[in-house]
Amino acid sequence: MTFREAIRKALSDEMSADKNVVLFGEDVGVYGGCFKVTEGLWKDHPDQVIDTPVSEEGFTGMAVGAAMMGLRPVVEIMYADFYTLIFDPIVNHAAKTHFMSGGQFCCPITVRLPEGSGTGHGAQHTQSPEALFLNGTGLKIVAPSNPSDAYHLLRASIRDNNPVLFFEHKLLYPMDGEISPEPVSLGKAKVIGDGHDVTIIAYSHAVATALETAELLKGSAIYATVVDLRTLNPLDKETVFEQVQKTGRAVLIQDPNGIGGIEAQVCAAICQDRKTFSSLKCQVLQFSGKDTPIPFSKDLERLTIPQASDIAVEIGKLF
């Protein structure tokens, strides 16, 4: 099953299990969504798939109100770049509802945000804005790296009583993989491998870069453990600390630029934990995207994100 199909199945399964789960978005019905993720859903769930006008702030605000009144809306924002249009209803309202109502209301809304470069869509359609929401207290942020996690984490997000931002990297949509029968909880990272030399921490599409880097390092007899964060807020610090303490070396990879990024938060957590910081044998390495708008040129676009070959060379210098 592909990443795209896994998300579609998660949506269908949740809509079948709970009639209060409704999908809002532009062209999510008959057209099947900009990236064909919701293709065919309207046939099986005609009353739960709602095509909206081109007004992200309007239909997201409507979904926030619907969530407060008992529905479990899933909102598809055609491109994550349009986050600027939903900031007010999500950050100022959905994220604060439970706190400001003294626990009388919750806002179980899930916002799906296709993100990332690699598609040649230019600077206004290739951003990865997940870090911009970290200061929006009251929000959960999820970024899966494979079909199985996409399926289970989306179902968990829809069932959660808090507002969840669900980031889907566009390059992952065609990825194939089996769906594990074991559910996945929000806020729990995944450990891949059992290398004793270095811990590589990544999320979303950057996990593929981390795994490629780990394979390249084997040629130099350097063995890495990869930590897939999966949920960015809340962050599974315990797993990060445990794996960094095991190897004494931490390498952080992300596709977006590093100014105020997720990896900066992870690095701060590592440095603030006395036991983890004391276990470090060298500096923490951070690899992130270039601090530039994404160009249209495919060759230039590819070079705006970290490359496994470059990362492997820099890690080799630690030994």
Protein backbone atom coordinates (compact mmCIF):
# COMPACT_ATOMS: atom_id res chain seq x y z
CA MET A 1 0.00 0.00 0.00
CA THR A 2 1.31 3.45 -0.87
CA PHE A 3 1.55 6.38 1.54
CA ARG A 4 -1.29 8.02 -0.41
CA GLU A 5 -3.48 4.92 -0.16
CA ALA A 6 -2.70 4.52 3.54
CA ILE A 7 -4.02 8.00 4.28
CA ARG A 8 -7.11 7.35 2.17
CA LYS A 9 -7.75 4.09 4.03
CA ALA A 10 -7.31 5.79 7.40
CA LEU A 11 -9.86 8.43 6.43
CA SER A 12 -12.30 5.82 5.15
CA ASP A 13 -11.93 3.60 8.20
CA GLU A 14 -12.48 6.50 10.59
CA MET A 15 -15.51 7.77 8.64
CA SER A 16 -16.96 4.27 8.72
CA ALA A 17 -16.34 3.93 12.46
CA ASP A 18 -17.72 7.36 13.39
CA LYS A 19 -20.30 9.33 11.39
CA ASN A 20 -19.12 12.48 13.15
CA VAL A 21 -15.87 12.32 11.17
CA VAL A 22 -16.27 14.68 8.20
CA LEU A 23 -13.77 15.78 5.55
CA PHE A 24 -13.62 19.41 4.42
CA GLY A 25 -11.46 20.77 1.60
CA GLU A 26 -11.10 22.08 -1.91
CA ASP A 27 -11.77 19.41 -4.57
CA VAL A 28 -11.68 16.57 -2.02
CA GLY A 29 -14.86 15.05 -3.45
CA VAL A 30 -15.41 14.07 -7.09
CA TYR A 31 -11.98 15.35 -8.18
CA GLY A 32 -10.26 13.29 -5.47
CA GLY A 33 -7.98 15.98 -4.08
CA CYS A 34 -5.03 17.83 -5.61
CA PHE A 35 -2.78 14.80 -4.97
CA LYS A 36 -5.54 12.20 -5.40
CA VAL A 37 -5.41 11.22 -1.74
CA THR A 38 -9.20 11.39 -1.27
CA GLU A 39 -10.09 9.79 -4.60
CA GLY A 40 -13.33 7.81 -4.38
CA LEU A 41 -14.09 8.60 -0.74
CA TRP A 42 -17.23 10.53 -1.66
CA LYS A 43 -18.79 7.39 -3.15
CA ASP A 44 -18.62 5.45 0.13
CA HIS A 45 -19.18 8.45 2.41
CA PRO A 46 -21.36 10.90 0.45
CA ASP A 47 -22.55 12.78 3.52
CA GLN A 48 -19.11 13.05 5.12
CA VAL A 49 -17.01 14.44 2.25
CA ILE A 50 -17.64 18.14 1.72
CA ASP A 51 -16.18 20.16 -1.17
CA THR A 52 -15.56 23.74 -0.10
CA PRO A 53 -15.07 27.09 -1.83
CA VAL A 54 -11.52 28.38 -2.25
CA SER A 55 -11.39 30.01 1.17
CA GLU A 56 -9.01 28.27 3.56
CA GLU A 57 -9.67 30.60 6.45
CA GLY A 58 -13.43 30.31 5.95
CA PHE A 59 -13.80 26.54 5.83
CA THR A 60 -11.15 25.96 8.49
CA GLY A 61 -12.97 28.35 10.81
CA MET A 62 -16.20 26.51 10.04
CA ALA A 63 -14.52 23.21 10.90
CA VAL A 64 -13.23 24.62 14.21
CA GLY A 65 -16.78 25.57 15.16
CA ALA A 66 -18.08 22.18 14.06
CA ALA A 67 -15.44 20.46 16.21
CA MET A 68 -16.52 22.49 19.24
CA MET A 69 -20.10 21.34 18.65
CA GLY A 70 -19.34 17.62 18.51
CA LEU A 71 -18.07 16.72 15.03
CA ARG A 72 -14.56 15.45 14.28
CA PRO A 73 -13.59 17.38 11.16
CA VAL A 74 -10.59 16.56 9.00
CA VAL A 75 -9.52 19.57 6.96
CA GLU A 76 -7.36 19.19 3.87
CA ILE A 77 -5.32 22.28 3.02
CA MET A 78 -4.32 21.82 -0.61
CA TYR A 79 -0.73 22.96 0.04
CA ALA A 80 0.83 23.44 3.48
CA ASP A 81 2.10 26.81 2.17
CA PHE A 82 -1.41 28.18 2.70
CA TYR A 83 -0.88 27.90 6.45
CA THR A 84 -0.90 31.70 6.63
CA LEU A 85 -4.61 31.63 5.84
CA ILE A 86 -5.52 29.20 8.65
CA PHE A 87 -3.28 30.60 11.37
CA ASP A 88 -6.05 32.56 13.07
CA PRO A 89 -8.70 29.82 13.38
CA ILE A 90 -6.14 27.16 14.30
CA VAL A 91 -3.66 29.00 16.56
CA ASN A 92 -5.93 31.63 18.10
CA HIS A 93 -9.07 29.52 18.46
CA ALA A 94 -8.74 25.74 18.04
CA ALA A 95 -5.52 25.56 20.07
CA LYS A 96 -6.89 27.66 22.94
CA THR A 97 -10.49 26.42 23.22
CA HIS A 98 -9.97 23.76 25.88
CA PHE A 99 -7.89 26.04 28.11
CA MET A 100 -10.03 29.15 27.75
CA SER A 101 -13.29 27.27 28.34
CA GLY A 102 -11.97 25.76 31.54
CA GLY A 103 -12.21 22.29 30.02
CA GLN A 104 -15.86 22.67 28.97
CA PHE A 105 -15.04 22.42 25.26
CA CYS A 106 -12.50 20.51 23.26
CA CYS A 107 -11.66 20.94 19.59
CA PRO A 108 -10.95 17.56 17.94
CA ILE A 109 -9.96 18.85 14.51
CA THR A 110 -7.26 17.32 12.29
CA VAL A 111 -5.67 19.49 9.61
CA ARG A 112 -3.89 17.64 6.79
CA LEU A 113 -1.08 19.66 5.19
CA PRO A 114 0.79 18.35 2.11
CA GLU A 115 4.26 19.88 2.36
CA GLY A 116 7.81 19.76 1.08
CA SER A 117 9.97 20.31 -1.97
CA GLY A 118 10.96 17.99 -4.78
CA THR A 119 7.93 18.50 -7.01
CA GLY A 120 9.02 21.52 -9.05
CA HIS A 121 6.13 23.64 -7.82
CA GLY A 122 8.15 26.69 -6.87
CA ALA A 123 8.70 28.67 -3.69
CA GLN A 124 5.02 29.24 -2.84
CA HIS A 125 4.05 25.56 -3.01
CA THR A 126 7.02 23.68 -1.53
CA GLN A 127 7.46 24.96 2.02
CA SER A 128 7.59 22.89 5.21
CA PRO A 129 6.10 25.18 7.88
CA GLU A 130 5.70 22.74 10.77
CA ALA A 131 8.15 24.59 13.04
CA LEU A 132 6.10 27.78 12.74
CA PHE A 133 3.34 26.09 14.76
CA LEU A 134 5.57 25.04 17.68
CA ASN A 135 4.73 28.22 19.58
CA GLY A 136 1.01 27.63 19.07
CA THR A 137 0.49 26.07 22.49
CA GLY A 138 -2.32 23.54 22.47
CA LEU A 139 -1.48 21.98 19.11
CA LYS A 140 -0.18 18.51 18.37
CA ILE A 141 2.08 18.18 15.31
CA VAL A 142 2.56 14.91 13.43
CA ALA A 143 4.86 14.12 10.47
CA PRO A 144 4.99 10.42 9.44
CA SER A 145 7.71 8.98 7.21
CA ASN A 146 6.12 5.78 5.86
CA PRO A 147 2.70 4.32 4.91
CA SER A 148 2.18 2.30 8.08
CA ASP A 149 2.81 5.24 10.37
CA ALA A 150 0.72 7.51 8.13
CA TYR A 151 -2.25 5.15 8.52
CA HIS A 152 -2.03 4.63 12.26
CA LEU A 153 -1.03 8.18 13.18
CA LEU A 154 -3.83 9.71 11.12
CA ARG A 155 -6.40 7.49 12.83
CA ALA A 156 -4.91 8.41 16.21
CA SER A 157 -4.99 12.10 15.25
CA ILE A 158 -8.67 11.98 14.29
CA ARG A 159 -9.56 10.26 17.55
CA ASP A 160 -7.56 12.71 19.67
CA ASN A 161 -9.58 15.40 21.42
CA ASN A 162 -6.94 18.04 20.69
CA PRO A 163 -6.33 19.90 17.42
CA VAL A 164 -3.69 18.04 15.38
CA LEU A 165 -1.66 19.26 12.42
CA PHE A 166 -0.82 16.31 10.17
CA PHE A 167 2.03 17.03 7.75
CA GLU A 168 2.32 14.82 4.66
CA HIS A 169 5.48 15.20 2.58
CA LYS A 170 4.46 15.13 -1.07
CA LEU A 171 7.46 13.02 -2.12
CA LEU A 172 6.23 10.24 0.18
CA TYR A 173 2.84 9.79 -1.51
CA PRO A 174 4.06 7.05 -3.93
CA MET A 175 6.09 5.21 -1.25
CA ASP A 176 5.07 1.55 -0.88
CA GLY A 177 4.94 -0.33 2.40
CA GLU A 178 2.99 -2.80 4.48
CA ILE A 179 0.58 -1.59 7.14
CA SER A 180 1.51 -2.96 10.54
CA PRO A 181 -1.35 -4.45 12.57
CA GLU A 182 0.01 -2.70 15.67
CA PRO A 183 -1.44 0.77 16.35
CA VAL A 184 0.85 3.76 16.88
CA SER A 185 0.30 6.35 19.60
CA LEU A 186 0.89 10.06 19.22
CA GLY A 187 4.00 11.27 20.98
CA LYS A 188 6.08 8.12 20.54
CA ALA A 189 9.22 8.02 18.38
CA LYS A 190 10.41 4.95 16.46
CA VAL A 191 13.91 3.46 16.73
CA ILE A 192 15.30 1.89 13.55
CA GLY A 193 18.41 -0.26 13.81
CA ASP A 194 20.76 -0.86 16.71
CA GLY A 195 23.95 0.93 15.77
CA HIS A 196 26.34 1.71 18.60
CA ASP A 197 28.38 4.51 16.98
CA VAL A 198 25.99 7.37 16.21
CA THR A 199 22.33 8.31 16.62
CA ILE A 200 20.69 10.01 13.63
CA ILE A 201 17.44 11.82 14.43
CA ALA A 202 15.00 12.84 11.68
CA TYR A 203 11.32 12.99 10.71
CA SER A 204 9.11 12.84 7.62
CA HIS A 205 11.02 12.69 4.30
CA ALA A 206 14.35 13.27 6.09
CA VAL A 207 14.06 9.78 7.61
CA ALA A 208 14.79 8.36 4.14
CA THR A 209 17.90 10.56 4.03
CA ALA A 210 18.89 9.32 7.49
CA LEU A 211 18.50 5.67 6.47
CA GLU A 212 20.51 6.25 3.29
CA THR A 213 23.21 7.92 5.38
CA ALA A 214 23.27 4.95 7.75
CA GLU A 215 23.83 2.60 4.81
CA LEU A 216 26.69 4.73 3.48
CA LEU A 217 28.34 4.79 6.92
CA LYS A 218 28.46 1.00 7.02
CA GLY A 219 31.12 1.18 4.31
CA SER A 220 33.34 2.93 6.85
CA ALA A 221 32.43 0.47 9.62
CA ILE A 222 30.34 3.13 11.37
CA TYR A 223 26.99 1.83 12.59
CA ALA A 224 24.06 4.17 13.17
CA THR A 225 20.73 4.05 14.95
CA VAL A 226 17.99 6.13 13.32
CA VAL A 227 15.30 7.76 15.45
CA ASP A 228 12.13 8.70 13.55
CA LEU A 229 10.44 11.35 15.69
CA ARG A 230 7.00 10.82 14.04
CA THR A 231 5.34 13.29 16.44
CA LEU A 232 7.00 16.72 16.69
CA ASN A 233 4.80 18.04 19.47
CA PRO A 234 4.70 16.49 21.98
CA LEU A 235 8.30 15.40 21.44
CA ASP A 236 9.39 11.97 22.65
CA LYS A 237 12.43 13.24 24.53
CA GLU A 238 12.88 10.01 26.48
CA THR A 239 13.58 7.96 23.36
CA VAL A 240 15.93 10.62 22.01
CA PHE A 241 17.84 10.76 25.29
CA GLU A 242 18.11 6.98 25.56
CA GLN A 243 19.49 6.56 22.04
CA VAL A 244 21.93 9.47 22.26
CA GLN A 245 23.23 8.21 25.60
CA LYS A 246 23.80 4.80 24.00
CA THR A 247 26.04 6.11 21.19
CA GLY A 248 27.38 9.39 22.58
CA ARG A 249 26.94 11.08 19.19
CA ALA A 250 23.85 12.90 17.88
CA VAL A 251 23.16 13.93 14.28
CA LEU A 252 19.99 15.83 13.38
CA ILE A 253 18.53 15.99 9.86
CA GLN A 254 15.55 17.95 8.55
CA ASP A 255 14.45 19.18 5.11
CA PRO A 256 13.32 22.72 6.11
CA ASN A 257 15.87 25.41 6.87
CA GLY A 258 17.35 25.25 10.34
CA ILE A 259 16.45 28.68 11.72
CA GLY A 260 14.06 27.99 14.59
CA GLY A 261 13.49 24.48 13.28
CA ILE A 262 12.45 21.22 14.88
CA GLU A 263 16.03 20.00 15.09
CA ALA A 264 16.96 23.14 17.05
CA GLN A 265 14.35 22.15 19.62
CA VAL A 266 15.73 18.60 19.75
CA CYS A 267 19.28 19.92 20.13
CA ALA A 268 18.19 22.18 22.98
CA ALA A 269 16.53 19.24 24.72
CA ILE A 270 19.70 17.14 24.41
CA CYS A 271 21.84 19.95 25.83
CA GLN A 272 19.44 20.64 28.71
CA ASP A 273 19.32 17.05 29.92
CA ARG A 274 22.35 16.64 32.17
CA LYS A 275 22.80 12.89 31.66
CA THR A 276 22.40 13.07 27.88
CA PHE A 277 24.66 16.09 27.51
CA SER A 278 27.33 14.44 29.66
CA SER A 279 27.24 11.35 27.44
CA LEU A 280 28.20 13.29 24.30
CA LYS A 281 31.65 12.47 22.89
CA CYS A 282 31.59 15.39 20.43
CA GLN A 283 29.44 18.25 19.18
CA VAL A 284 25.89 17.70 17.93
CA LEU A 285 25.75 17.87 14.14
CA GLN A 286 22.76 19.54 12.47
CA PHE A 287 21.89 19.26 8.76
CA SER A 288 18.98 21.26 7.41
CA GLY A 289 17.68 22.83 4.22
CA LYS A 290 19.19 25.93 2.70
CA ASP A 291 17.91 29.26 4.00
CA THR A 292 16.40 30.21 0.66
CA PRO A 293 13.06 30.06 -1.16
CA ILE A 294 12.78 26.79 -3.10
CA PRO A 295 13.70 27.31 -6.80
CA PHE A 296 11.71 25.90 -9.73
CA SER A 297 14.79 24.20 -11.21
CA LYS A 298 14.70 20.51 -10.28
CA ASP A 299 18.50 20.32 -9.94
CA LEU A 300 18.67 23.37 -7.70
CA GLU A 301 15.61 22.25 -5.77
CA ARG A 302 17.22 18.91 -4.97
CA LEU A 303 20.27 20.67 -3.55
CA THR A 304 18.24 22.79 -1.12
CA ILE A 305 17.80 19.80 1.21
CA PRO A 306 20.57 17.79 2.95
CA GLN A 307 22.17 15.02 0.89
CA ALA A 308 23.09 11.66 2.45
CA SER A 309 26.54 11.59 0.82
CA ASP A 310 27.49 14.95 2.32
CA ILE A 311 26.14 13.98 5.74
CA ALA A 312 28.06 10.69 5.76
CA VAL A 313 31.32 12.53 5.06
CA GLU A 314 30.78 14.94 7.95
CA ILE A 315 29.81 12.16 10.35
CA GLY A 316 32.98 10.28 9.38
CA LYS A 317 35.02 13.22 10.63
CA LEU A 318 33.72 12.59 14.16
CA PHE A 319 35.71 9.34 14.40
